[in-house]
Amino acid sequence: MQYKFRETAVGTVATIESFAAGPAAPLVHFAHATGMCAALYRPLFDRLTPHVNVVASDSRGHGSTPLEADPADMTSWATYADDLAALLAVLPVPPVLILAGHSMGATVSMECAARMPGTVRAVVMAEPAFVAFAAAADWNPARPGGNPLAEQALRRRAVWPSRYAIRAAYDGRGVFASWPDGALDAYLDGGLRDRDDGQVELACAPAWESATFAAVSPRLEAAVTGWRGGLTVLHGTERSTVNPTDAAAIAALPGVTVTRFDGVDHFLPLHRTAELADAILGFA
């Protein structure tokens, strides 16, 4: 996998890429979760690259992508779908295109694919984040207390004296408590930026992360019900973004596979890497 910068219609996008499988191989694009970065999912890409070409991008306001990220402008995940569509437009045209992602990246991948009928063969969503179907019609992200994740992100510390300091603070705590060995270091490698004063800062600024959480999509139901390509959804049961009612509704759609992993939390791609890779390769 190589780090690259791709010039697109919306600006420069940072990617991790491998085209070692050759020009006749399918292409998989993988989109990361809110606040994360492409580098976190390297173990997944290592399982995919012998068989398919892989591009994983840092979303606007995340990782090494330098696209403008003004929190006041983040009102819809359609911004991320626009960015993904612009990136796909400059990649080599593959015989088969598969979009996959985790959390926000899963939902954005699905909504982007829905715009491109006939171009994307399949979508694989791991723990997609979205407004529950029953609440989507009346969703109001501005209501007080409506999004605890957005409020929590806004309180996150952005600047740290060193990489050692932030690693020591994060290791074994909060969402990182369940992460396997190496995952935290991968996240910090791709998710921190060095400052001129010798300190480090989160590449995803707390205000941008908060705005992204607040803009969570209420449109996933329309995207999946109108989709005519392949679709697989993988979700856990601990702090999952997929409730049982919506999982059943998606599973009832023709040609859709929904797999539940009991005891697995929202960071399913880190815990069930092999199963996620198999789901993606199943469409290749």
C-alpha atoms as a PDB file:
ATOM      1  CA  MET A   1       0.000   0.000   0.000  1.00  0.00           C
ATOM      2  CA  GLN A   2       1.305   3.447  -0.955  1.00  0.00           C
ATOM      3  CA  TYR A   3       0.351   6.877   0.315  1.00  0.00           C
ATOM      4  CA  LYS A   4      -0.770   9.216  -2.467  1.00  0.00           C
ATOM      5  CA  PHE A   5      -2.530  12.501  -3.084  1.00  0.00           C
ATOM      6  CA  ARG A   6      -5.207  12.483  -5.775  1.00  0.00           C
ATOM      7  CA  GLU A   7      -6.338  15.678  -7.489  1.00  0.00           C
ATOM      8  CA  THR A   8     -10.122  15.699  -7.902  1.00  0.00           C
ATOM      9  CA  ALA A   9     -12.809  18.149  -8.934  1.00  0.00           C
ATOM     10  CA  VAL A  10     -13.248  19.185  -5.291  1.00  0.00           C
ATOM     11  CA  GLY A  11      -9.528  19.381  -4.461  1.00  0.00           C
ATOM     12  CA  THR A  12      -6.757  17.168  -3.132  1.00  0.00           C
ATOM     13  CA  VAL A  13      -7.622  13.879  -1.407  1.00  0.00           C
ATOM     14  CA  ALA A  14      -5.107  11.745   0.510  1.00  0.00           C
ATOM     15  CA  THR A  15      -5.282   8.013  -0.132  1.00  0.00           C
ATOM     16  CA  ILE A  16      -3.664   4.704   0.668  1.00  0.00           C
ATOM     17  CA  GLU A  17      -3.582   2.591  -2.489  1.00  0.00           C
ATOM     18  CA  SER A  18      -2.535  -0.725  -3.945  1.00  0.00           C
ATOM     19  CA  PHE A  19      -2.995  -1.682  -7.584  1.00  0.00           C
ATOM     20  CA  ALA A  20      -0.803  -4.766  -7.280  1.00  0.00           C
ATOM     21  CA  ALA A  21      -3.657  -7.075  -8.277  1.00  0.00           C
ATOM     22  CA  GLY A  22      -3.425  -5.788 -11.838  1.00  0.00           C
ATOM     23  CA  PRO A  23      -5.658  -3.811 -14.224  1.00  0.00           C
ATOM     24  CA  ALA A  24      -8.130  -6.661 -14.691  1.00  0.00           C
ATOM     25  CA  ALA A  25      -8.835  -6.957 -10.967  1.00  0.00           C
ATOM     26  CA  PRO A  26     -11.841  -5.441  -9.186  1.00  0.00           C
ATOM     27  CA  LEU A  27     -11.353  -2.165  -7.307  1.00  0.00           C
ATOM     28  CA  VAL A  28     -12.468  -1.702  -3.705  1.00  0.00           C
ATOM     29  CA  HIS A  29     -12.757   1.726  -2.138  1.00  0.00           C
ATOM     30  CA  PHE A  30     -12.931   1.792   1.656  1.00  0.00           C
ATOM     31  CA  ALA A  31     -14.239   4.771   3.649  1.00  0.00           C
ATOM     32  CA  HIS A  32     -13.445   5.235   7.335  1.00  0.00           C
ATOM     33  CA  ALA A  33     -15.526   6.202  10.365  1.00  0.00           C
ATOM     34  CA  THR A  34     -16.021   9.681  11.814  1.00  0.00           C
ATOM     35  CA  GLY A  35     -12.869  10.900  13.546  1.00  0.00           C
ATOM     36  CA  MET A  36     -10.790   8.013  12.212  1.00  0.00           C
ATOM     37  CA  CYS A  37      -8.488   7.699   9.161  1.00  0.00           C
ATOM     38  CA  ALA A  38      -7.696   5.231   6.410  1.00  0.00           C
ATOM     39  CA  ALA A  39      -4.508   4.012   8.123  1.00  0.00           C
ATOM     40  CA  LEU A  40      -6.524   2.408  10.938  1.00  0.00           C
ATOM     41  CA  TYR A  41      -7.761  -0.334   8.589  1.00  0.00           C
ATOM     42  CA  ARG A  42      -4.431  -1.521   7.192  1.00  0.00           C
ATOM     43  CA  PRO A  43      -4.912  -5.123   8.446  1.00  0.00           C
ATOM     44  CA  LEU A  44      -8.106  -5.297   6.361  1.00  0.00           C
ATOM     45  CA  PHE A  45      -6.342  -3.975   3.284  1.00  0.00           C
ATOM     46  CA  ASP A  46      -3.554  -6.518   3.724  1.00  0.00           C
ATOM     47  CA  ARG A  47      -6.172  -9.273   3.433  1.00  0.00           C
ATOM     48  CA  LEU A  48      -7.689  -7.709   0.318  1.00  0.00           C
ATOM     49  CA  THR A  49      -4.693  -6.638  -1.747  1.00  0.00           C
ATOM     50  CA  PRO A  50      -3.595 -10.053  -3.013  1.00  0.00           C
ATOM     51  CA  HIS A  51      -6.982 -10.392  -4.715  1.00  0.00           C
ATOM     52  CA  VAL A  52      -8.284  -6.886  -5.537  1.00  0.00           C
ATOM     53  CA  ASN A  53      -6.996  -3.370  -5.993  1.00  0.00           C
ATOM     54  CA  VAL A  54      -7.690  -1.141  -2.995  1.00  0.00           C
ATOM     55  CA  VAL A  55      -8.031   2.608  -2.490  1.00  0.00           C
ATOM     56  CA  ALA A  56      -8.790   3.978   0.972  1.00  0.00           C
ATOM     57  CA  SER A  57      -9.169   7.716   1.346  1.00  0.00           C
ATOM     58  CA  ASP A  58      -9.000  10.153   4.239  1.00  0.00           C
ATOM     59  CA  SER A  59     -12.283  12.025   4.247  1.00  0.00           C
ATOM     60  CA  ARG A  60     -12.514  15.806   4.271  1.00  0.00           C
ATOM     61  CA  GLY A  61     -11.326  17.109   7.646  1.00  0.00           C
ATOM     62  CA  HIS A  62      -9.615  13.803   8.499  1.00  0.00           C
ATOM     63  CA  GLY A  63      -6.123  12.335   8.187  1.00  0.00           C
ATOM     64  CA  SER A  64      -3.892  13.918   5.566  1.00  0.00           C
ATOM     65  CA  THR A  65      -6.610  15.221   3.234  1.00  0.00           C
ATOM     66  CA  PRO A  66      -6.239  19.021   3.024  1.00  0.00           C
ATOM     67  CA  LEU A  67      -9.743  19.861   1.779  1.00  0.00           C
ATOM     68  CA  GLU A  68     -11.324  22.818   3.567  1.00  0.00           C
ATOM     69  CA  ALA A  69     -13.248  21.691   6.646  1.00  0.00           C
ATOM     70  CA  ASP A  70     -15.294  24.523   8.121  1.00  0.00           C
ATOM     71  CA  PRO A  71     -17.700  23.097  10.731  1.00  0.00           C
ATOM     72  CA  ALA A  72     -20.300  25.677   9.728  1.00  0.00           C
ATOM     73  CA  ASP A  73     -20.454  24.065   6.288  1.00  0.00           C
ATOM     74  CA  MET A  74     -20.914  20.500   7.556  1.00  0.00           C
ATOM     75  CA  THR A  75     -24.678  20.146   7.572  1.00  0.00           C
ATOM     76  CA  SER A  76     -25.078  16.905   5.625  1.00  0.00           C
ATOM     77  CA  TRP A  77     -23.073  13.792   4.839  1.00  0.00           C
ATOM     78  CA  ALA A  78     -23.870  14.557   1.215  1.00  0.00           C
ATOM     79  CA  THR A  79     -20.623  16.564   1.364  1.00  0.00           C
ATOM     80  CA  TYR A  80     -18.704  13.348   1.965  1.00  0.00           C
ATOM     81  CA  ALA A  81     -20.630  11.550  -0.776  1.00  0.00           C
ATOM     82  CA  ASP A  82     -19.766  14.392  -3.185  1.00  0.00           C
ATOM     83  CA  ASP A  83     -16.093  14.056  -2.267  1.00  0.00           C
ATOM     84  CA  LEU A  84     -16.150  10.286  -2.746  1.00  0.00           C
ATOM     85  CA  ALA A  85     -17.818  10.598  -6.146  1.00  0.00           C
ATOM     86  CA  ALA A  86     -15.158  13.115  -7.187  1.00  0.00           C
ATOM     87  CA  LEU A  87     -12.382  10.734  -6.121  1.00  0.00           C
ATOM     88  CA  LEU A  88     -13.912   7.756  -7.921  1.00  0.00           C
ATOM     89  CA  ALA A  89     -14.078   9.852 -11.091  1.00  0.00           C
ATOM     90  CA  VAL A  90     -10.271  10.165 -11.252  1.00  0.00           C
ATOM     91  CA  LEU A  91      -9.410   6.546 -10.419  1.00  0.00           C
ATOM     92  CA  PRO A  92      -8.666   3.974 -13.134  1.00  0.00           C
ATOM     93  CA  VAL A  93     -11.931   2.521 -14.426  1.00  0.00           C
ATOM     94  CA  PRO A  94     -12.147  -1.024 -13.024  1.00  0.00           C
ATOM     95  CA  PRO A  95     -14.048  -4.006 -14.420  1.00  0.00           C
ATOM     96  CA  VAL A  96     -15.810  -4.238 -11.051  1.00  0.00           C
ATOM     97  CA  LEU A  97     -16.192  -1.474  -8.457  1.00  0.00           C
ATOM     98  CA  ILE A  98     -17.078  -2.271  -4.847  1.00  0.00           C
ATOM     99  CA  LEU A  99     -17.648   0.382  -2.183  1.00  0.00           C
ATOM    100  CA  ALA A 100     -17.112  -0.541   1.449  1.00  0.00           C
ATOM    101  CA  GLY A 101     -16.849   1.388   4.659  1.00  0.00           C
ATOM    102  CA  HIS A 102     -17.214   1.585   8.404  1.00  0.00           C
ATOM    103  CA  SER A 103     -19.726   3.675  10.347  1.00  0.00           C
ATOM    104  CA  MET A 104     -20.019   7.066   8.634  1.00  0.00           C
ATOM    105  CA  GLY A 105     -17.925   5.700   5.782  1.00  0.00           C
ATOM    106  CA  ALA A 106     -20.350   2.810   5.307  1.00  0.00           C
ATOM    107  CA  THR A 107     -23.355   5.086   5.036  1.00  0.00           C
ATOM    108  CA  VAL A 108     -21.570   7.524   2.736  1.00  0.00           C
ATOM    109  CA  SER A 109     -20.501   4.622   0.505  1.00  0.00           C
ATOM    110  CA  MET A 110     -24.100   3.422   0.230  1.00  0.00           C
ATOM    111  CA  GLU A 111     -25.469   6.881  -0.509  1.00  0.00           C
ATOM    112  CA  CYS A 112     -22.757   7.499  -3.090  1.00  0.00           C
ATOM    113  CA  ALA A 113     -23.430   4.134  -4.768  1.00  0.00           C
ATOM    114  CA  ALA A 114     -27.128   4.961  -4.959  1.00  0.00           C
ATOM    115  CA  ARG A 115     -26.214   7.914  -7.178  1.00  0.00           C
ATOM    116  CA  MET A 116     -24.229   5.676  -9.541  1.00  0.00           C
ATOM    117  CA  PRO A 117     -26.509   2.881 -10.748  1.00  0.00           C
ATOM    118  CA  GLY A 118     -24.705   0.530 -13.062  1.00  0.00           C
ATOM    119  CA  THR A 119     -21.263   1.732 -11.959  1.00  0.00           C
ATOM    120  CA  VAL A 120     -20.967   0.113  -8.525  1.00  0.00           C
ATOM    121  CA  ARG A 121     -21.455  -3.659  -8.335  1.00  0.00           C
ATOM    122  CA  ALA A 122     -21.854  -3.937  -4.573  1.00  0.00           C
ATOM    123  CA  VAL A 123     -21.673  -2.163  -1.227  1.00  0.00           C
ATOM    124  CA  VAL A 124     -20.406  -3.630   2.037  1.00  0.00           C
ATOM    125  CA  MET A 125     -21.368  -1.718   5.165  1.00  0.00           C
ATOM    126  CA  ALA A 126     -19.735  -2.465   8.510  1.00  0.00           C
ATOM    127  CA  GLU A 127     -21.675  -0.910  11.381  1.00  0.00           C
ATOM    128  CA  PRO A 128     -23.247   1.879   9.292  1.00  0.00           C
ATOM    129  CA  ALA A 129     -24.119   5.003  11.267  1.00  0.00           C
ATOM    130  CA  PHE A 130     -27.485   6.571  10.477  1.00  0.00           C
ATOM    131  CA  VAL A 131     -30.662   7.950  12.001  1.00  0.00           C
ATOM    132  CA  ALA A 132     -32.932   5.027  12.864  1.00  0.00           C
ATOM    133  CA  PHE A 133     -35.515   4.538  10.134  1.00  0.00           C
ATOM    134  CA  ALA A 134     -38.477   5.196  12.463  1.00  0.00           C
ATOM    135  CA  ALA A 135     -37.007   8.531  13.570  1.00  0.00           C
ATOM    136  CA  ALA A 136     -35.685   9.778  10.228  1.00  0.00           C
ATOM    137  CA  ALA A 137     -38.790  11.650   9.082  1.00  0.00           C
ATOM    138  CA  ASP A 138     -38.858  13.828  12.199  1.00  0.00           C
ATOM    139  CA  TRP A 139     -35.104  14.065  12.710  1.00  0.00           C
ATOM    140  CA  ASN A 140     -33.926  17.415  14.079  1.00  0.00           C
ATOM    141  CA  PRO A 141     -30.173  17.449  14.761  1.00  0.00           C
ATOM    142  CA  ALA A 142     -30.411  20.894  16.387  1.00  0.00           C
ATOM    143  CA  ARG A 143     -32.620  19.843  19.278  1.00  0.00           C
ATOM    144  CA  PRO A 144     -30.887  20.077  22.696  1.00  0.00           C
ATOM    145  CA  GLY A 145     -29.300  16.794  23.726  1.00  0.00           C
ATOM    146  CA  GLY A 146     -30.166  15.298  20.379  1.00  0.00           C
ATOM    147  CA  ASN A 147     -26.691  13.988  19.654  1.00  0.00           C
ATOM    148  CA  PRO A 148     -24.498  13.117  22.655  1.00  0.00           C
ATOM    149  CA  LEU A 149     -21.642  12.032  20.371  1.00  0.00           C
ATOM    150  CA  ALA A 150     -21.501  15.510  18.845  1.00  0.00           C
ATOM    151  CA  GLU A 151     -21.429  17.107  22.276  1.00  0.00           C
ATOM    152  CA  GLN A 152     -18.729  14.723  23.486  1.00  0.00           C
ATOM    153  CA  ALA A 153     -16.551  15.325  20.412  1.00  0.00           C
ATOM    154  CA  LEU A 154     -16.696  19.066  20.928  1.00  0.00           C
ATOM    155  CA  ARG A 155     -15.089  18.600  24.351  1.00  0.00           C
ATOM    156  CA  ARG A 156     -12.237  16.496  22.983  1.00  0.00           C
ATOM    157  CA  ARG A 157      -8.711  17.800  23.535  1.00  0.00           C
ATOM    158  CA  ALA A 158      -7.196  18.768  20.191  1.00  0.00           C
ATOM    159  CA  VAL A 159      -3.548  19.615  20.978  1.00  0.00           C
ATOM    160  CA  TRP A 160      -1.110  17.401  22.882  1.00  0.00           C
ATOM    161  CA  PRO A 161       2.535  17.927  23.861  1.00  0.00           C
ATOM    162  CA  SER A 162       3.696  14.743  22.092  1.00  0.00           C
ATOM    163  CA  ARG A 163       2.584  11.516  20.438  1.00  0.00           C
ATOM    164  CA  TYR A 164       3.675   9.693  23.574  1.00  0.00           C
ATOM    165  CA  ALA A 165       1.369  11.836  25.704  1.00  0.00           C
ATOM    166  CA  ILE A 166      -1.739  11.250  23.614  1.00  0.00           C
ATOM    167  CA  ARG A 167      -1.000   7.556  23.308  1.00  0.00           C
ATOM    168  CA  ALA A 168      -0.677   7.240  27.068  1.00  0.00           C
ATOM    169  CA  ALA A 169      -3.968   9.082  27.537  1.00  0.00           C
ATOM    170  CA  TYR A 170      -5.891   6.988  25.003  1.00  0.00           C
ATOM    171  CA  ASP A 171      -4.464   3.526  25.577  1.00  0.00           C
ATOM    172  CA  GLY A 172      -7.057   1.215  27.128  1.00  0.00           C
ATOM    173  CA  ARG A 173      -9.613   3.969  27.660  1.00  0.00           C
ATOM    174  CA  GLY A 174     -12.984   4.827  26.147  1.00  0.00           C
ATOM    175  CA  VAL A 175     -13.595   3.466  22.661  1.00  0.00           C
ATOM    176  CA  PHE A 176      -9.960   2.354  22.502  1.00  0.00           C
ATOM    177  CA  ALA A 177     -10.348  -0.093  25.388  1.00  0.00           C
ATOM    178  CA  SER A 178     -11.477  -2.939  23.138  1.00  0.00           C
ATOM    179  CA  TRP A 179      -9.067  -2.265  20.276  1.00  0.00           C
ATOM    180  CA  PRO A 180      -6.602  -5.028  19.331  1.00  0.00           C
ATOM    181  CA  ASP A 181      -2.851  -4.571  19.533  1.00  0.00           C
ATOM    182  CA  GLY A 182      -1.491  -2.144  16.986  1.00  0.00           C
ATOM    183  CA  ALA A 183      -4.794  -0.447  16.190  1.00  0.00           C
ATOM    184  CA  LEU A 184      -4.198   2.598  18.390  1.00  0.00           C
ATOM    185  CA  ASP A 185      -0.743   3.148  16.899  1.00  0.00           C
ATOM    186  CA  ALA A 186      -2.187   2.872  13.377  1.00  0.00           C
ATOM    187  CA  TYR A 187      -4.854   5.430  14.224  1.00  0.00           C
ATOM    188  CA  LEU A 188      -2.324   7.845  15.718  1.00  0.00           C
ATOM    189  CA  ASP A 189       0.019   7.417  12.735  1.00  0.00           C
ATOM    190  CA  GLY A 190      -2.697   8.589  10.367  1.00  0.00           C
ATOM    191  CA  GLY A 191      -4.793  10.740  12.672  1.00  0.00           C
ATOM    192  CA  LEU A 192      -2.246  13.185  14.105  1.00  0.00           C
ATOM    193  CA  ARG A 193      -0.522  16.194  12.593  1.00  0.00           C
ATOM    194  CA  ASP A 194       2.737  17.710  13.761  1.00  0.00           C
ATOM    195  CA  ARG A 195       2.639  21.387  14.702  1.00  0.00           C
ATOM    196  CA  ASP A 196       5.328  24.015  14.205  1.00  0.00           C
ATOM    197  CA  ASP A 197       5.606  24.424  17.999  1.00  0.00           C
ATOM    198  CA  GLY A 198       6.650  20.782  18.432  1.00  0.00           C
ATOM    199  CA  GLN A 199       3.278  19.603  19.692  1.00  0.00           C
ATOM    200  CA  VAL A 200       0.790  17.376  17.869  1.00  0.00           C
ATOM    201  CA  GLU A 201      -2.882  17.866  17.101  1.00  0.00           C
ATOM    202  CA  LEU A 202      -5.767  15.701  16.018  1.00  0.00           C
ATOM    203  CA  ALA A 203      -6.094  15.774  12.241  1.00  0.00           C
ATOM    204  CA  CYS A 204      -9.853  15.673  12.718  1.00  0.00           C
ATOM    205  CA  ALA A 205     -10.507  18.848  14.694  1.00  0.00           C
ATOM    206  CA  PRO A 206     -13.028  18.382  17.516  1.00  0.00           C
ATOM    207  CA  ALA A 207     -15.357  21.001  16.033  1.00  0.00           C
ATOM    208  CA  TRP A 208     -15.358  19.206  12.659  1.00  0.00           C
ATOM    209  CA  GLU A 209     -15.881  15.814  14.278  1.00  0.00           C
ATOM    210  CA  SER A 210     -18.757  17.244  16.305  1.00  0.00           C
ATOM    211  CA  ALA A 211     -20.342  18.782  13.199  1.00  0.00           C
ATOM    212  CA  THR A 212     -20.009  15.441  11.397  1.00  0.00           C
ATOM    213  CA  PHE A 213     -21.724  13.551  14.191  1.00  0.00           C
ATOM    214  CA  ALA A 214     -24.496  16.166  14.250  1.00  0.00           C
ATOM    215  CA  ALA A 215     -24.996  15.796  10.482  1.00  0.00           C
ATOM    216  CA  VAL A 216     -25.614  12.029  10.719  1.00  0.00           C
ATOM    217  CA  SER A 217     -27.625  10.859   7.746  1.00  0.00           C
ATOM    218  CA  PRO A 218     -31.391  10.325   7.920  1.00  0.00           C
ATOM    219  CA  ARG A 219     -31.427   9.089   4.307  1.00  0.00           C
ATOM    220  CA  LEU A 220     -30.001   5.573   4.496  1.00  0.00           C
ATOM    221  CA  GLU A 221     -33.380   3.836   4.247  1.00  0.00           C
ATOM    222  CA  ALA A 222     -34.094   5.454   0.875  1.00  0.00           C
ATOM    223  CA  ALA A 223     -30.635   4.528  -0.397  1.00  0.00           C
ATOM    224  CA  VAL A 224     -30.846   0.842   0.540  1.00  0.00           C
ATOM    225  CA  THR A 225     -34.449   0.306  -0.549  1.00  0.00           C
ATOM    226  CA  GLY A 226     -33.739   1.767  -3.963  1.00  0.00           C
ATOM    227  CA  TRP A 227     -30.467  -0.110  -4.457  1.00  0.00           C
ATOM    228  CA  ARG A 228     -30.331  -2.863  -7.052  1.00  0.00           C
ATOM    229  CA  GLY A 229     -26.741  -4.047  -6.659  1.00  0.00           C
ATOM    230  CA  GLY A 230     -25.183  -6.372  -4.117  1.00  0.00           C
ATOM    231  CA  LEU A 231     -25.383  -5.353  -0.483  1.00  0.00           C
ATOM    232  CA  THR A 232     -23.966  -6.843   2.693  1.00  0.00           C
ATOM    233  CA  VAL A 233     -24.321  -5.339   6.164  1.00  0.00           C
ATOM    234  CA  LEU A 234     -22.237  -6.502   9.123  1.00  0.00           C
ATOM    235  CA  HIS A 235     -23.096  -5.289  12.614  1.00  0.00           C
ATOM    236  CA  GLY A 236     -22.397  -6.049  16.233  1.00  0.00           C
ATOM    237  CA  THR A 237     -24.540  -6.031  19.345  1.00  0.00           C
ATOM    238  CA  GLU A 238     -22.489  -3.901  21.740  1.00  0.00           C
ATOM    239  CA  ARG A 239     -22.854  -0.124  21.256  1.00  0.00           C
ATOM    240  CA  SER A 240     -23.945  -0.889  17.714  1.00  0.00           C
ATOM    241  CA  THR A 241     -25.290   1.773  15.382  1.00  0.00           C
ATOM    242  CA  VAL A 242     -27.682  -0.774  13.842  1.00  0.00           C
ATOM    243  CA  ASN A 243     -30.773  -1.548  15.884  1.00  0.00           C
ATOM    244  CA  PRO A 244     -32.534  -4.917  15.521  1.00  0.00           C
ATOM    245  CA  THR A 245     -35.620  -3.425  13.830  1.00  0.00           C
ATOM    246  CA  ASP A 246     -33.617  -1.694  11.104  1.00  0.00           C
ATOM    247  CA  ALA A 247     -31.364  -4.732  10.681  1.00  0.00           C
ATOM    248  CA  ALA A 248     -34.465  -6.860  10.048  1.00  0.00           C
ATOM    249  CA  ALA A 249     -35.877  -4.301   7.590  1.00  0.00           C
ATOM    250  CA  ILE A 250     -32.639  -4.278   5.597  1.00  0.00           C
ATOM    251  CA  ALA A 251     -32.370  -8.077   5.697  1.00  0.00           C
ATOM    252  CA  ALA A 252     -35.877  -8.354   4.229  1.00  0.00           C
ATOM    253  CA  LEU A 253     -34.798  -6.574   1.044  1.00  0.00           C
ATOM    254  CA  PRO A 254     -34.144  -8.840  -1.955  1.00  0.00           C
ATOM    255  CA  GLY A 255     -30.559  -9.958  -2.432  1.00  0.00           C
ATOM    256  CA  VAL A 256     -29.296  -8.411   0.812  1.00  0.00           C
ATOM    257  CA  THR A 257     -27.190 -10.199   3.429  1.00  0.00           C
ATOM    258  CA  VAL A 258     -27.148  -8.976   7.021  1.00  0.00           C
ATOM    259  CA  THR A 259     -24.781 -10.652   9.473  1.00  0.00           C
ATOM    260  CA  ARG A 260     -24.855 -10.053  13.211  1.00  0.00           C
ATOM    261  CA  PHE A 261     -21.821 -10.643  15.419  1.00  0.00           C
ATOM    262  CA  ASP A 262     -22.885 -11.160  19.016  1.00  0.00           C
ATOM    263  CA  GLY A 263     -20.647  -9.490  21.583  1.00  0.00           C
ATOM    264  CA  VAL A 264     -18.847  -7.339  18.985  1.00  0.00           C
ATOM    265  CA  ASP A 265     -18.893  -3.570  19.365  1.00  0.00           C
ATOM    266  CA  HIS A 266     -19.052  -0.701  16.871  1.00  0.00           C
ATOM    267  CA  PHE A 267     -15.426  -1.200  15.812  1.00  0.00           C
ATOM    268  CA  LEU A 268     -16.293  -4.455  14.098  1.00  0.00           C
ATOM    269  CA  PRO A 269     -13.677  -4.003  11.305  1.00  0.00           C
ATOM    270  CA  LEU A 270     -10.929  -4.238  13.935  1.00  0.00           C
ATOM    271  CA  HIS A 271     -12.385  -7.352  15.572  1.00  0.00           C
ATOM    272  CA  ARG A 272     -13.802  -9.260  12.608  1.00  0.00           C
ATOM    273  CA  THR A 273     -11.300  -8.271   9.953  1.00  0.00           C
ATOM    274  CA  ALA A 274     -11.282 -11.656   8.235  1.00  0.00           C
ATOM    275  CA  GLU A 275     -15.073 -11.825   8.026  1.00  0.00           C
ATOM    276  CA  LEU A 276     -15.274  -8.289   6.622  1.00  0.00           C
ATOM    277  CA  ALA A 277     -12.609  -9.108   4.037  1.00  0.00           C
ATOM    278  CA  ASP A 278     -14.524 -12.245   3.041  1.00  0.00           C
ATOM    279  CA  ALA A 279     -17.726 -10.230   2.629  1.00  0.00           C
ATOM    280  CA  ILE A 280     -15.965  -7.789   0.313  1.00  0.00           C
ATOM    281  CA  LEU A 281     -14.195 -10.478  -1.685  1.00  0.00           C
ATOM    282  CA  GLY A 282     -17.462 -12.323  -2.070  1.00  0.00           C
ATOM    283  CA  PHE A 283     -18.524  -9.649  -4.553  1.00  0.00           C
ATOM    284  CA  ALA A 284     -15.198  -9.634  -6.396  1.00  0.00           C
END
